[in-house]
Amino acid sequence: MKKTVCFILAVLILTGCSTVTEKESDSKMGQNVSEKIYTASTYITEDMKKKAGDASSITAETINKTIGEWSEDADLVVLATVISIDEAKTVLASGIKDELGFTFSTILVQQTFKGQDMNGKTLKTLKQGGILTQAQIEQASDPEAVKKHDYLRKKNGGENPADVYVNTNLENDVMLEEGKTYLLLLNYVEEEDRYEILGLNNCTREAQIPQTRTIRQRSFKKDEIMLKNYETQEFESLDNVLSQIR
């Protein structure tokens, strides 16, 4: 029987290698705006993904907010391509600890729909969840609990926690992939000097644009871009989603 783990989503708002194919000829790739080229990459190997398994046993309990409500907290709303999935951490520079961890990524902004124009710029981001080792998770865990688990692990001949991988991505969230393009709601976190990707419940939307290893800024026609709706599993127009942004 599937075991479900529930928790309250940690939000940092101060309120206060997958298969990649090259499809340069596809019309939905848009026209080149800049000749500066980036190559998609990820720290996550196929072996790590296999060992970590899927995230279907993890569910988030959070305030039921729409994409419009989440967007009120966003400094930026952008269409961006993921250049790289860089690393995952459970302890942030600000001192925040979270057993679910955060994935650090680099994105290239294709178009800006809210906030300062970031078109063509690369931004550093973080997003809750990721592919972590058990050792990383224990860095954010209760020290006494870790000590007990370590004792039992050694007693029973358990695996080295540095060799055990766990998928902490959330069931009702989107795991970013290098080379793919998404509509993202971003909030700048000064302590981390990077942007947090906001929202669950259908807020991060994958665009119906081919995944590619070679990444550059492109000019897209808004009325041609379709975004995946994870509630219906269908695609809807970018304009329809943007009409909900505040």
Protein backbone atom coordinates (compact mmCIF):
# COMPACT_ATOMS: atom_id res chain seq x y z
CA MET A 1 0.00 0.00 0.00
CA LYS A 2 1.33 3.42 -0.90
CA LYS A 3 2.38 5.43 2.11
CA THR A 4 1.56 9.12 1.91
CA VAL A 5 3.59 11.75 3.73
CA CYS A 6 1.87 15.09 4.34
CA PHE A 7 3.50 18.37 5.31
CA ILE A 8 3.04 22.12 5.11
CA LEU A 9 4.85 23.69 2.16
CA ALA A 10 7.74 25.90 3.23
CA VAL A 11 7.69 29.18 1.32
CA LEU A 12 10.61 31.59 1.48
CA ILE A 13 8.65 34.71 0.46
CA LEU A 14 9.86 37.57 2.62
CA THR A 15 6.56 39.17 3.36
CA GLY A 16 6.96 40.28 4.88
CA CYS A 17 20.44 13.08 -17.38
CA SER A 18 17.14 12.94 -19.25
CA THR A 19 16.86 12.38 -22.98
CA VAL A 20 17.27 15.63 -24.87
CA THR A 21 16.63 15.98 -28.58
CA GLU A 22 17.55 18.76 -30.96
CA LYS A 23 14.65 20.10 -33.03
CA GLU A 24 15.92 23.38 -34.39
CA SER A 25 13.61 23.24 -37.40
CA ASP A 26 10.39 23.08 -35.38
CA SER A 27 8.36 26.28 -35.83
CA LYS A 28 7.48 26.35 -32.13
CA MET A 29 11.14 26.91 -31.32
CA GLY A 30 10.66 30.51 -32.47
CA GLN A 31 13.15 32.81 -34.14
CA ASN A 32 16.63 33.41 -32.69
CA VAL A 33 16.96 36.71 -30.83
CA SER A 34 20.49 36.18 -29.56
CA GLU A 35 23.33 34.02 -30.85
CA LYS A 36 24.58 33.38 -27.32
CA ILE A 37 24.26 29.64 -26.83
CA TYR A 38 23.97 27.57 -23.65
CA THR A 39 24.14 23.79 -23.34
CA ALA A 40 21.57 22.00 -21.19
CA SER A 41 22.93 19.98 -18.28
CA THR A 42 21.88 18.36 -15.01
CA TYR A 43 23.59 16.96 -11.94
CA ILE A 44 20.98 14.17 -11.85
CA THR A 45 22.19 10.97 -13.49
CA GLU A 46 19.97 8.15 -14.72
CA ASP A 47 21.38 5.97 -11.94
CA MET A 48 20.40 8.56 -9.31
CA LYS A 49 16.85 8.76 -10.70
CA LYS A 50 16.54 4.98 -10.73
CA LYS A 51 17.72 4.68 -7.13
CA ALA A 52 15.54 7.58 -5.94
CA GLY A 53 12.35 6.32 -7.58
CA ASP A 54 9.33 8.54 -8.17
CA ALA A 55 7.68 11.05 -5.88
CA SER A 56 4.14 9.69 -6.00
CA SER A 57 4.13 8.93 -2.27
CA ILE A 58 4.69 12.56 -1.29
CA THR A 59 1.73 14.92 -1.09
CA ALA A 60 1.74 18.57 -0.10
CA GLU A 61 -0.81 20.15 2.16
CA THR A 62 -0.88 23.86 1.45
CA ILE A 63 -3.28 26.75 1.18
CA ASN A 64 -5.45 26.22 -1.88
CA LYS A 65 -4.25 29.19 -3.92
CA THR A 66 -4.81 29.76 -7.60
CA ILE A 67 -2.09 30.81 -10.02
CA GLY A 68 -3.57 34.31 -9.86
CA GLU A 69 -3.27 34.42 -6.08
CA TRP A 70 0.28 33.06 -6.17
CA SER A 71 1.20 35.65 -8.80
CA GLU A 72 0.40 38.46 -6.35
CA ASP A 73 3.53 37.39 -4.43
CA ALA A 74 5.68 37.13 -7.56
CA ASP A 75 8.26 39.75 -8.52
CA LEU A 76 8.47 38.19 -11.97
CA VAL A 77 6.29 36.07 -14.23
CA VAL A 78 8.37 34.73 -17.11
CA LEU A 79 8.58 32.19 -19.87
CA ALA A 80 11.99 30.61 -19.32
CA THR A 81 14.09 27.70 -20.51
CA VAL A 82 16.01 25.64 -17.96
CA ILE A 83 19.70 25.73 -18.82
CA SER A 84 20.88 23.54 -15.97
CA ILE A 85 19.78 21.66 -12.89
CA ASP A 86 22.78 22.51 -10.75
CA GLU A 87 22.48 20.84 -7.34
CA ALA A 88 20.19 20.18 -4.40
CA LYS A 89 20.65 21.25 -0.78
CA THR A 90 18.81 20.85 2.49
CA VAL A 91 20.61 23.70 4.26
CA LEU A 92 20.50 27.14 2.64
CA ALA A 93 22.94 30.03 3.00
CA SER A 94 20.36 31.86 5.11
CA GLY A 95 20.37 28.99 7.61
CA ILE A 96 16.98 27.62 6.58
CA LYS A 97 16.85 23.82 6.85
CA ASP A 98 14.33 21.61 5.11
CA GLU A 99 14.40 17.82 4.87
CA LEU A 100 12.71 18.02 1.47
CA GLY A 101 15.55 20.18 0.24
CA PHE A 102 15.73 22.67 -2.60
CA THR A 103 16.87 22.22 -6.17
CA PHE A 104 19.12 24.96 -7.57
CA SER A 105 18.78 25.72 -11.28
CA THR A 106 19.83 28.25 -13.90
CA ILE A 107 17.25 29.54 -16.36
CA LEU A 108 17.26 31.72 -19.47
CA VAL A 109 14.36 34.16 -19.61
CA GLN A 110 12.64 34.10 -22.99
CA GLN A 111 9.84 36.56 -22.25
CA THR A 112 8.82 38.64 -19.23
CA PHE A 113 5.11 39.09 -18.49
CA LYS A 114 5.30 40.74 -15.06
CA GLY A 115 8.03 42.76 -13.36
CA GLN A 116 11.34 44.12 -14.62
CA ASP A 117 12.22 43.10 -18.17
CA MET A 118 14.59 40.15 -17.86
CA ASN A 119 14.45 38.98 -21.47
CA GLY A 120 17.68 37.26 -22.50
CA LYS A 121 19.08 37.20 -18.96
CA THR A 122 20.09 34.13 -16.99
CA LEU A 123 18.71 33.84 -13.46
CA LYS A 124 19.59 31.58 -10.56
CA THR A 125 16.58 29.85 -9.00
CA LEU A 126 15.63 27.49 -6.22
CA LYS A 127 12.62 25.23 -5.90
CA GLN A 128 11.50 22.98 -3.08
CA GLY A 129 12.10 19.26 -3.58
CA GLY A 130 14.74 17.37 -5.50
CA ILE A 131 16.89 14.27 -5.81
CA LEU A 132 18.81 14.12 -2.53
CA THR A 133 20.98 11.69 -0.63
CA GLN A 134 19.85 10.44 2.75
CA ALA A 135 22.98 12.09 4.15
CA GLN A 136 21.76 15.48 2.89
CA ILE A 137 18.33 14.92 4.40
CA GLU A 138 19.92 14.08 7.74
CA GLN A 139 21.76 17.42 7.69
CA ALA A 140 18.35 19.06 8.16
CA SER A 141 16.94 16.43 10.54
CA ASP A 142 16.78 16.32 14.32
CA PRO A 143 20.30 15.40 15.53
CA GLU A 144 19.01 12.93 18.11
CA ALA A 145 16.90 11.13 15.52
CA VAL A 146 19.88 10.99 13.16
CA LYS A 147 22.07 9.55 15.91
CA LYS A 148 19.50 6.83 16.58
CA HIS A 149 19.09 6.00 12.90
CA ASP A 150 22.87 5.91 12.46
CA TYR A 151 23.21 3.46 15.35
CA LEU A 152 20.53 1.15 13.91
CA ARG A 153 21.99 1.45 10.43
CA LYS A 154 25.44 0.36 11.59
CA LYS A 155 23.99 -2.38 13.78
CA ASN A 156 21.95 -3.84 10.93
CA GLY A 157 24.52 -3.30 8.20
CA GLY A 158 22.52 -0.64 6.40
CA GLU A 159 23.70 1.34 3.40
CA ASN A 160 25.88 4.40 3.67
CA PRO A 161 23.42 7.36 3.70
CA ALA A 162 25.60 9.13 1.12
CA ASP A 163 24.77 6.31 -1.32
CA VAL A 164 21.00 6.30 -0.72
CA TYR A 165 19.00 8.59 -3.01
CA VAL A 166 15.54 9.96 -2.24
CA ASN A 167 13.10 11.79 -4.53
CA THR A 168 11.49 14.55 -2.47
CA ASN A 169 9.67 16.23 -5.33
CA LEU A 170 6.02 16.78 -4.59
CA GLU A 171 3.15 14.85 -6.11
CA ASN A 172 1.24 18.01 -7.02
CA ASP A 173 4.24 19.94 -8.31
CA VAL A 174 6.42 19.91 -11.43
CA MET A 175 9.97 18.62 -11.47
CA LEU A 176 11.95 20.91 -13.77
CA GLU A 177 13.98 19.32 -16.56
CA GLU A 178 16.95 20.80 -18.35
CA GLY A 179 16.21 22.03 -21.86
CA LYS A 180 12.48 22.42 -21.24
CA THR A 181 10.58 25.72 -21.20
CA TYR A 182 8.11 26.75 -18.49
CA LEU A 183 5.93 29.60 -17.32
CA LEU A 184 7.41 30.46 -13.91
CA LEU A 185 6.35 32.66 -11.01
CA LEU A 186 9.48 34.01 -9.33
CA ASN A 187 10.14 35.83 -6.08
CA TYR A 188 13.58 37.24 -5.28
CA VAL A 189 15.08 35.97 -2.00
CA GLU A 190 17.80 38.39 -0.96
CA GLU A 191 19.45 36.06 1.57
CA GLU A 192 20.00 33.46 -1.14
CA ASP A 193 20.63 35.94 -3.98
CA ARG A 194 18.38 33.93 -6.26
CA TYR A 195 14.73 33.58 -7.23
CA GLU A 196 12.38 31.13 -5.59
CA ILE A 197 9.97 29.39 -7.95
CA LEU A 198 6.56 29.87 -6.36
CA GLY A 199 3.46 27.79 -6.10
CA LEU A 200 1.99 24.33 -6.28
CA ASN A 201 -1.37 23.32 -7.67
CA ASN A 202 -0.82 23.98 -11.36
CA CYS A 203 1.31 27.12 -11.03
CA THR A 204 4.49 26.05 -12.81
CA ARG A 205 3.43 25.24 -16.39
CA GLU A 206 5.46 23.37 -18.98
CA ALA A 207 5.24 24.95 -22.43
CA GLN A 208 4.52 22.85 -25.49
CA ILE A 209 7.95 23.65 -26.90
CA PRO A 210 10.42 20.87 -27.79
CA GLN A 211 13.06 20.04 -25.22
CA THR A 212 16.49 20.90 -26.58
CA ARG A 213 20.13 20.57 -25.59
CA THR A 214 21.16 23.81 -27.30
CA ILE A 215 19.52 26.80 -25.64
CA ARG A 216 19.34 30.41 -26.80
CA GLN A 217 16.90 33.28 -26.50
CA ARG A 218 14.13 33.11 -29.05
CA SER A 219 11.20 35.23 -30.12
CA PHE A 220 7.91 33.40 -29.57
CA LYS A 221 4.45 34.44 -30.66
CA LYS A 222 2.26 34.43 -27.57
CA ASP A 223 -0.78 33.13 -29.41
CA GLU A 224 1.17 30.05 -30.54
CA ILE A 225 2.36 28.97 -27.09
CA MET A 226 0.38 26.32 -25.24
CA LEU A 227 0.90 25.47 -21.56
CA LYS A 228 0.12 22.18 -19.87
CA ASN A 229 -2.72 22.16 -17.36
CA TYR A 230 -1.76 19.50 -14.82
CA GLU A 231 -5.29 19.23 -13.46
CA THR A 232 -6.87 18.37 -16.82
CA GLN A 233 -3.68 17.01 -18.47
CA GLU A 234 -4.62 19.12 -21.49
CA PHE A 235 -2.86 22.12 -23.02
CA GLU A 236 -4.31 25.63 -22.88
CA SER A 237 -3.24 28.91 -24.41
CA LEU A 238 -0.61 31.12 -22.81
CA ASP A 239 -2.99 34.06 -23.15
CA ASN A 240 -5.62 32.23 -21.12
CA VAL A 241 -3.17 31.57 -18.29
CA LEU A 242 -1.76 35.11 -18.38
CA SER A 243 -5.28 36.51 -18.04
CA GLN A 244 -5.25 35.10 -14.49
CA ILE A 245 -1.98 36.81 -13.50
CA ARG A 246 -2.30 39.76 -11.12
